Amino acid sequence: MTINEAIKELKKNSKEKFSSTVELHINLALDVKKNDQSIRFTTILPNGTGKTKRVAVLSSKKVANADLELKESDLDLILNGKIKPRIDFDVLVAEPAFMSKIAKVAKILGPIGLMPNPKNGTVSDDAEKAVAQIKKGKVEVRTEKDAPVVHTIIGKTNFTEDQLVENFNEILTILKQNKPAKTDPMWIKTIFVSSTMGKSYPVDIEA
């Protein structure tokens, strides 16, 4: 079915009593064991994600739109569990100068995907801009570590059909722009959309 048809069916059959997340799952014909065959990029969804992310910041100056402004000494509070990643903040943005300091909590942040990284824009000289982009609906799209599969989100079930389709098209467009060299012409194998607790709907890649 087309993405418009898939989204229509997904919304019609969504029975949850809350606005659940709309997920996008893409299977690719890539060998992710090769460095030049993996996918990783960020983009800002035109209609946001529908999720409010709490952003913590390690910056040399005040960042007005940050939810939690950390000092270097606060890293010890992360170590001893008094500040809890995923509970007290969802994203950590840091200026490059702080990265050597953050290494002490890498064993906590790394396994849950919260270690700041320049590839996803969470290491930046302009912390305020980085936070603003995350708040607007910035998402990271990447292949799984051991599989050529992309899992990401395109909004909530309370979004309009047009909003979800627009977000879908944004990700698909940027994905195609990031196609690795020397890949099969039919490198996008299957695409499915689903709600968090709902049925998956296949999307016609050529539609």
C-alpha atoms as a PDB file:
ATOM      1  CA  MET A   1       0.000   0.000   0.000  1.00  0.00           C
ATOM      2  CA  THR A   2       1.067   3.621  -0.374  1.00  0.00           C
ATOM      3  CA  ILE A   3       2.321   5.491   2.685  1.00  0.00           C
ATOM      4  CA  ASN A   4      -0.952   7.464   2.712  1.00  0.00           C
ATOM      5  CA  GLU A   5      -2.961   4.229   2.757  1.00  0.00           C
ATOM      6  CA  ALA A   6      -0.728   2.689   5.420  1.00  0.00           C
ATOM      7  CA  ILE A   7      -1.047   5.712   7.698  1.00  0.00           C
ATOM      8  CA  LYS A   8      -4.819   5.820   7.194  1.00  0.00           C
ATOM      9  CA  GLU A   9      -5.124   2.166   8.209  1.00  0.00           C
ATOM     10  CA  LEU A  10      -2.737   2.593  11.143  1.00  0.00           C
ATOM     11  CA  LYS A  11      -4.732   5.518  12.549  1.00  0.00           C
ATOM     12  CA  LYS A  12      -8.092   3.838  11.931  1.00  0.00           C
ATOM     13  CA  ASN A  13      -7.039   0.661  13.736  1.00  0.00           C
ATOM     14  CA  SER A  14      -5.189   2.310  16.613  1.00  0.00           C
ATOM     15  CA  LYS A  15      -7.164   1.198  19.690  1.00  0.00           C
ATOM     16  CA  GLU A  16      -4.921   2.568  22.435  1.00  0.00           C
ATOM     17  CA  LYS A  17      -6.510   5.057  24.840  1.00  0.00           C
ATOM     18  CA  PHE A  18      -3.432   7.246  24.490  1.00  0.00           C
ATOM     19  CA  SER A  19      -1.480   8.714  21.583  1.00  0.00           C
ATOM     20  CA  SER A  20       1.084   6.046  20.866  1.00  0.00           C
ATOM     21  CA  THR A  21       4.280   6.498  18.906  1.00  0.00           C
ATOM     22  CA  VAL A  22       4.254   5.828  15.163  1.00  0.00           C
ATOM     23  CA  GLU A  23       7.321   3.798  14.265  1.00  0.00           C
ATOM     24  CA  LEU A  24       9.155   3.325  10.989  1.00  0.00           C
ATOM     25  CA  HIS A  25      11.097   0.147  10.245  1.00  0.00           C
ATOM     26  CA  ILE A  26      13.270  -0.139   7.131  1.00  0.00           C
ATOM     27  CA  ASN A  27      15.172  -3.252   6.026  1.00  0.00           C
ATOM     28  CA  LEU A  28      18.191  -2.540   3.828  1.00  0.00           C
ATOM     29  CA  ALA A  29      20.456  -4.622   1.601  1.00  0.00           C
ATOM     30  CA  LEU A  30      23.691  -3.562   3.294  1.00  0.00           C
ATOM     31  CA  ASP A  31      26.628  -5.246   4.989  1.00  0.00           C
ATOM     32  CA  VAL A  32      26.849  -3.230   8.210  1.00  0.00           C
ATOM     33  CA  LYS A  33      30.093  -4.990   9.141  1.00  0.00           C
ATOM     34  CA  LYS A  34      31.739  -2.769   6.541  1.00  0.00           C
ATOM     35  CA  ASN A  35      32.361   0.802   7.672  1.00  0.00           C
ATOM     36  CA  ASP A  36      31.145   2.244   4.384  1.00  0.00           C
ATOM     37  CA  GLN A  37      27.889   0.266   4.435  1.00  0.00           C
ATOM     38  CA  SER A  38      26.265   1.669   7.552  1.00  0.00           C
ATOM     39  CA  ILE A  39      23.750   4.497   7.730  1.00  0.00           C
ATOM     40  CA  ARG A  40      23.864   7.329  10.245  1.00  0.00           C
ATOM     41  CA  PHE A  41      22.375  10.799   9.883  1.00  0.00           C
ATOM     42  CA  THR A  42      20.165  13.281  11.695  1.00  0.00           C
ATOM     43  CA  THR A  43      17.254  15.311  10.438  1.00  0.00           C
ATOM     44  CA  ILE A  44      14.568  17.554  11.885  1.00  0.00           C
ATOM     45  CA  LEU A  45      11.087  16.207  11.238  1.00  0.00           C
ATOM     46  CA  PRO A  46       8.867  18.917   9.712  1.00  0.00           C
ATOM     47  CA  ASN A  47       6.120  18.236  12.259  1.00  0.00           C
ATOM     48  CA  GLY A  48       8.275  17.175  15.198  1.00  0.00           C
ATOM     49  CA  THR A  49       8.184  13.828  16.961  1.00  0.00           C
ATOM     50  CA  GLY A  50       5.334  14.438  19.376  1.00  0.00           C
ATOM     51  CA  LYS A  51       7.715  13.696  22.218  1.00  0.00           C
ATOM     52  CA  THR A  52       9.017  16.267  24.650  1.00  0.00           C
ATOM     53  CA  LYS A  53      12.685  15.537  25.270  1.00  0.00           C
ATOM     54  CA  ARG A  54      14.377  16.718  28.439  1.00  0.00           C
ATOM     55  CA  VAL A  55      17.789  17.994  27.427  1.00  0.00           C
ATOM     56  CA  ALA A  56      20.728  18.264  29.818  1.00  0.00           C
ATOM     57  CA  VAL A  57      23.669  20.479  28.863  1.00  0.00           C
ATOM     58  CA  LEU A  58      27.325  20.794  29.799  1.00  0.00           C
ATOM     59  CA  SER A  59      28.247  24.241  28.528  1.00  0.00           C
ATOM     60  CA  SER A  60      30.568  27.088  29.396  1.00  0.00           C
ATOM     61  CA  LYS A  61      27.642  29.516  29.230  1.00  0.00           C
ATOM     62  CA  LYS A  62      23.961  29.500  30.153  1.00  0.00           C
ATOM     63  CA  VAL A  63      21.669  27.744  27.699  1.00  0.00           C
ATOM     64  CA  ALA A  64      18.197  29.205  28.104  1.00  0.00           C
ATOM     65  CA  ASN A  65      16.167  26.355  26.596  1.00  0.00           C
ATOM     66  CA  ALA A  66      17.969  23.512  28.380  1.00  0.00           C
ATOM     67  CA  ASP A  67      15.976  21.494  30.922  1.00  0.00           C
ATOM     68  CA  LEU A  68      19.000  20.684  33.065  1.00  0.00           C
ATOM     69  CA  GLU A  69      22.229  22.677  33.128  1.00  0.00           C
ATOM     70  CA  LEU A  70      25.023  20.530  34.480  1.00  0.00           C
ATOM     71  CA  LYS A  71      28.360  21.517  35.959  1.00  0.00           C
ATOM     72  CA  GLU A  72      31.471  19.378  35.758  1.00  0.00           C
ATOM     73  CA  SER A  73      30.957  18.401  39.410  1.00  0.00           C
ATOM     74  CA  ASP A  74      27.508  17.035  38.520  1.00  0.00           C
ATOM     75  CA  LEU A  75      29.171  14.161  36.668  1.00  0.00           C
ATOM     76  CA  ASP A  76      29.880  12.647  40.075  1.00  0.00           C
ATOM     77  CA  LEU A  77      26.131  12.785  40.789  1.00  0.00           C
ATOM     78  CA  ILE A  78      25.566  10.724  37.638  1.00  0.00           C
ATOM     79  CA  LEU A  79      28.202   8.261  38.846  1.00  0.00           C
ATOM     80  CA  ASN A  80      26.570   7.812  42.243  1.00  0.00           C
ATOM     81  CA  GLY A  81      23.045   7.687  40.866  1.00  0.00           C
ATOM     82  CA  LYS A  82      21.750  10.977  42.256  1.00  0.00           C
ATOM     83  CA  ILE A  83      21.198  12.227  38.702  1.00  0.00           C
ATOM     84  CA  LYS A  84      19.658   9.464  36.596  1.00  0.00           C
ATOM     85  CA  PRO A  85      19.901   9.392  32.777  1.00  0.00           C
ATOM     86  CA  ARG A  86      16.560   8.473  31.129  1.00  0.00           C
ATOM     87  CA  ILE A  87      14.795   9.684  34.277  1.00  0.00           C
ATOM     88  CA  ASP A  88      16.230  13.168  34.807  1.00  0.00           C
ATOM     89  CA  PHE A  89      17.140  13.760  31.153  1.00  0.00           C
ATOM     90  CA  ASP A  90      16.676  12.112  27.756  1.00  0.00           C
ATOM     91  CA  VAL A  91      19.542  13.740  25.836  1.00  0.00           C
ATOM     92  CA  LEU A  92      22.910  15.160  26.875  1.00  0.00           C
ATOM     93  CA  VAL A  93      24.459  17.972  24.856  1.00  0.00           C
ATOM     94  CA  ALA A  94      28.052  18.980  25.550  1.00  0.00           C
ATOM     95  CA  GLU A  95      30.628  21.402  24.248  1.00  0.00           C
ATOM     96  CA  PRO A  96      33.756  19.662  22.877  1.00  0.00           C
ATOM     97  CA  ALA A  97      35.874  20.952  25.778  1.00  0.00           C
ATOM     98  CA  PHE A  98      33.862  18.836  28.219  1.00  0.00           C
ATOM     99  CA  MET A  99      34.207  15.524  26.404  1.00  0.00           C
ATOM    100  CA  SER A 100      37.351  14.436  28.231  1.00  0.00           C
ATOM    101  CA  LYS A 101      35.525  15.044  31.524  1.00  0.00           C
ATOM    102  CA  ILE A 102      32.420  13.132  30.416  1.00  0.00           C
ATOM    103  CA  ALA A 103      34.572  10.052  29.774  1.00  0.00           C
ATOM    104  CA  LYS A 104      34.239   9.212  33.478  1.00  0.00           C
ATOM    105  CA  VAL A 105      30.514   8.476  32.994  1.00  0.00           C
ATOM    106  CA  ALA A 106      30.849   6.805  29.587  1.00  0.00           C
ATOM    107  CA  LYS A 107      30.171   3.384  31.114  1.00  0.00           C
ATOM    108  CA  ILE A 108      26.781   4.706  32.271  1.00  0.00           C
ATOM    109  CA  LEU A 109      25.810   6.828  29.260  1.00  0.00           C
ATOM    110  CA  GLY A 110      27.247   4.628  26.498  1.00  0.00           C
ATOM    111  CA  PRO A 111      25.130   1.484  26.955  1.00  0.00           C
ATOM    112  CA  ILE A 112      21.885   3.506  26.951  1.00  0.00           C
ATOM    113  CA  GLY A 113      22.828   5.615  23.937  1.00  0.00           C
ATOM    114  CA  LEU A 114      23.227   8.924  25.774  1.00  0.00           C
ATOM    115  CA  MET A 115      26.934   9.526  25.303  1.00  0.00           C
ATOM    116  CA  PRO A 116      27.310  12.855  23.428  1.00  0.00           C
ATOM    117  CA  ASN A 117      28.550  12.352  19.886  1.00  0.00           C
ATOM    118  CA  PRO A 118      29.380  14.867  17.132  1.00  0.00           C
ATOM    119  CA  LYS A 119      27.765  12.545  14.568  1.00  0.00           C
ATOM    120  CA  ASN A 120      24.311  13.136  16.018  1.00  0.00           C
ATOM    121  CA  GLY A 121      24.908  16.775  16.912  1.00  0.00           C
ATOM    122  CA  THR A 122      25.053  16.341  20.677  1.00  0.00           C
ATOM    123  CA  VAL A 123      28.657  17.558  20.770  1.00  0.00           C
ATOM    124  CA  SER A 124      28.615  21.146  19.590  1.00  0.00           C
ATOM    125  CA  ASP A 125      30.298  24.501  20.107  1.00  0.00           C
ATOM    126  CA  ASP A 126      26.820  26.004  19.849  1.00  0.00           C
ATOM    127  CA  ALA A 127      24.968  24.194  22.621  1.00  0.00           C
ATOM    128  CA  GLU A 128      21.954  26.492  22.410  1.00  0.00           C
ATOM    129  CA  LYS A 129      21.428  25.710  18.721  1.00  0.00           C
ATOM    130  CA  ALA A 130      21.882  21.978  19.362  1.00  0.00           C
ATOM    131  CA  VAL A 131      19.240  22.036  22.099  1.00  0.00           C
ATOM    132  CA  ALA A 132      16.842  24.048  19.922  1.00  0.00           C
ATOM    133  CA  GLN A 133      17.131  21.476  17.109  1.00  0.00           C
ATOM    134  CA  ILE A 134      16.420  18.597  19.477  1.00  0.00           C
ATOM    135  CA  LYS A 135      13.379  20.424  20.830  1.00  0.00           C
ATOM    136  CA  LYS A 136      12.093  21.012  17.285  1.00  0.00           C
ATOM    137  CA  GLY A 137      12.052  17.294  16.528  1.00  0.00           C
ATOM    138  CA  LYS A 138      15.552  16.259  15.567  1.00  0.00           C
ATOM    139  CA  VAL A 139      15.946  12.500  15.176  1.00  0.00           C
ATOM    140  CA  GLU A 140      18.937  10.281  14.568  1.00  0.00           C
ATOM    141  CA  VAL A 141      18.512   7.636  11.892  1.00  0.00           C
ATOM    142  CA  ARG A 142      21.004   4.799  11.885  1.00  0.00           C
ATOM    143  CA  THR A 143      21.359   1.132  11.080  1.00  0.00           C
ATOM    144  CA  GLU A 144      21.481  -1.316  13.957  1.00  0.00           C
ATOM    145  CA  LYS A 145      24.944  -2.362  15.075  1.00  0.00           C
ATOM    146  CA  ASP A 146      24.576  -5.948  13.839  1.00  0.00           C
ATOM    147  CA  ALA A 147      21.782  -5.708  11.265  1.00  0.00           C
ATOM    148  CA  PRO A 148      20.966  -3.610   8.189  1.00  0.00           C
ATOM    149  CA  VAL A 149      17.761  -2.344   9.764  1.00  0.00           C
ATOM    150  CA  VAL A 150      16.650   1.191  10.640  1.00  0.00           C
ATOM    151  CA  HIS A 151      14.165   1.793  13.464  1.00  0.00           C
ATOM    152  CA  THR A 152      12.974   5.348  14.051  1.00  0.00           C
ATOM    153  CA  ILE A 153       9.813   7.342  14.767  1.00  0.00           C
ATOM    154  CA  ILE A 154       7.708   9.673  12.643  1.00  0.00           C
ATOM    155  CA  GLY A 155       5.289  11.061  15.222  1.00  0.00           C
ATOM    156  CA  LYS A 156       2.236  10.098  17.255  1.00  0.00           C
ATOM    157  CA  THR A 157      -1.126   8.605  16.386  1.00  0.00           C
ATOM    158  CA  ASN A 158      -2.794  11.939  17.197  1.00  0.00           C
ATOM    159  CA  PHE A 159      -0.882  13.580  14.326  1.00  0.00           C
ATOM    160  CA  THR A 160      -2.870  14.158  11.146  1.00  0.00           C
ATOM    161  CA  GLU A 161      -2.315  11.792   8.225  1.00  0.00           C
ATOM    162  CA  ASP A 162      -0.612  14.602   6.313  1.00  0.00           C
ATOM    163  CA  GLN A 163       1.781  15.312   9.198  1.00  0.00           C
ATOM    164  CA  LEU A 164       2.831  11.672   9.468  1.00  0.00           C
ATOM    165  CA  VAL A 165       3.240  11.317   5.709  1.00  0.00           C
ATOM    166  CA  GLU A 166       5.344  14.487   5.592  1.00  0.00           C
ATOM    167  CA  ASN A 167       7.603  13.207   8.375  1.00  0.00           C
ATOM    168  CA  PHE A 168       7.896   9.833   6.623  1.00  0.00           C
ATOM    169  CA  ASN A 169       8.871  11.485   3.346  1.00  0.00           C
ATOM    170  CA  GLU A 170      11.513  13.595   5.114  1.00  0.00           C
ATOM    171  CA  ILE A 171      13.255  10.506   6.486  1.00  0.00           C
ATOM    172  CA  LEU A 172      12.988   8.551   3.247  1.00  0.00           C
ATOM    173  CA  THR A 173      14.377  11.460   1.224  1.00  0.00           C
ATOM    174  CA  ILE A 174      17.391  11.932   3.498  1.00  0.00           C
ATOM    175  CA  LEU A 175      17.917   8.158   3.664  1.00  0.00           C
ATOM    176  CA  LYS A 176      18.195   8.001  -0.126  1.00  0.00           C
ATOM    177  CA  GLN A 177      20.624  10.929  -0.074  1.00  0.00           C
ATOM    178  CA  ASN A 178      22.803   8.917   2.321  1.00  0.00           C
ATOM    179  CA  LYS A 179      22.832   5.768   0.206  1.00  0.00           C
ATOM    180  CA  PRO A 180      26.276   4.136   0.542  1.00  0.00           C
ATOM    181  CA  ALA A 181      28.337   3.705  -2.604  1.00  0.00           C
ATOM    182  CA  LYS A 182      28.542   0.274  -4.223  1.00  0.00           C
ATOM    183  CA  THR A 183      25.144  -0.910  -3.043  1.00  0.00           C
ATOM    184  CA  ASP A 184      22.451  -2.885  -4.802  1.00  0.00           C
ATOM    185  CA  PRO A 185      20.090  -0.649  -6.837  1.00  0.00           C
ATOM    186  CA  MET A 186      17.222  -2.215  -4.886  1.00  0.00           C
ATOM    187  CA  TRP A 187      18.918  -1.488  -1.569  1.00  0.00           C
ATOM    188  CA  ILE A 188      15.722  -0.606   0.290  1.00  0.00           C
ATOM    189  CA  LYS A 189      14.137  -4.038   0.740  1.00  0.00           C
ATOM    190  CA  THR A 190      11.038  -3.441   2.867  1.00  0.00           C
ATOM    191  CA  ILE A 191       9.389  -0.587   4.763  1.00  0.00           C
ATOM    192  CA  PHE A 192       6.814  -0.959   7.530  1.00  0.00           C
ATOM    193  CA  VAL A 193       4.986   1.542   9.710  1.00  0.00           C
ATOM    194  CA  SER A 194       3.337   0.640  12.993  1.00  0.00           C
ATOM    195  CA  SER A 195       2.101   2.103  16.245  1.00  0.00           C
ATOM    196  CA  THR A 196       3.908   1.042  19.414  1.00  0.00           C
ATOM    197  CA  MET A 197       1.357  -1.630  20.334  1.00  0.00           C
ATOM    198  CA  GLY A 198      -0.341  -2.019  16.972  1.00  0.00           C
ATOM    199  CA  LYS A 199      -0.152  -3.921  13.718  1.00  0.00           C
ATOM    200  CA  SER A 200       2.591  -3.278  11.144  1.00  0.00           C
ATOM    201  CA  TYR A 201       1.644  -2.061   7.674  1.00  0.00           C
ATOM    202  CA  PRO A 202       3.891  -2.613   4.636  1.00  0.00           C
ATOM    203  CA  VAL A 203       4.635   0.392   2.460  1.00  0.00           C
ATOM    204  CA  ASP A 204       5.119   0.070  -1.281  1.00  0.00           C
ATOM    205  CA  ILE A 205       8.658   1.330  -1.851  1.00  0.00           C
ATOM    206  CA  GLU A 206       7.901   2.456  -5.388  1.00  0.00           C
ATOM    207  CA  ALA A 207       4.608   4.158  -4.562  1.00  0.00           C
END
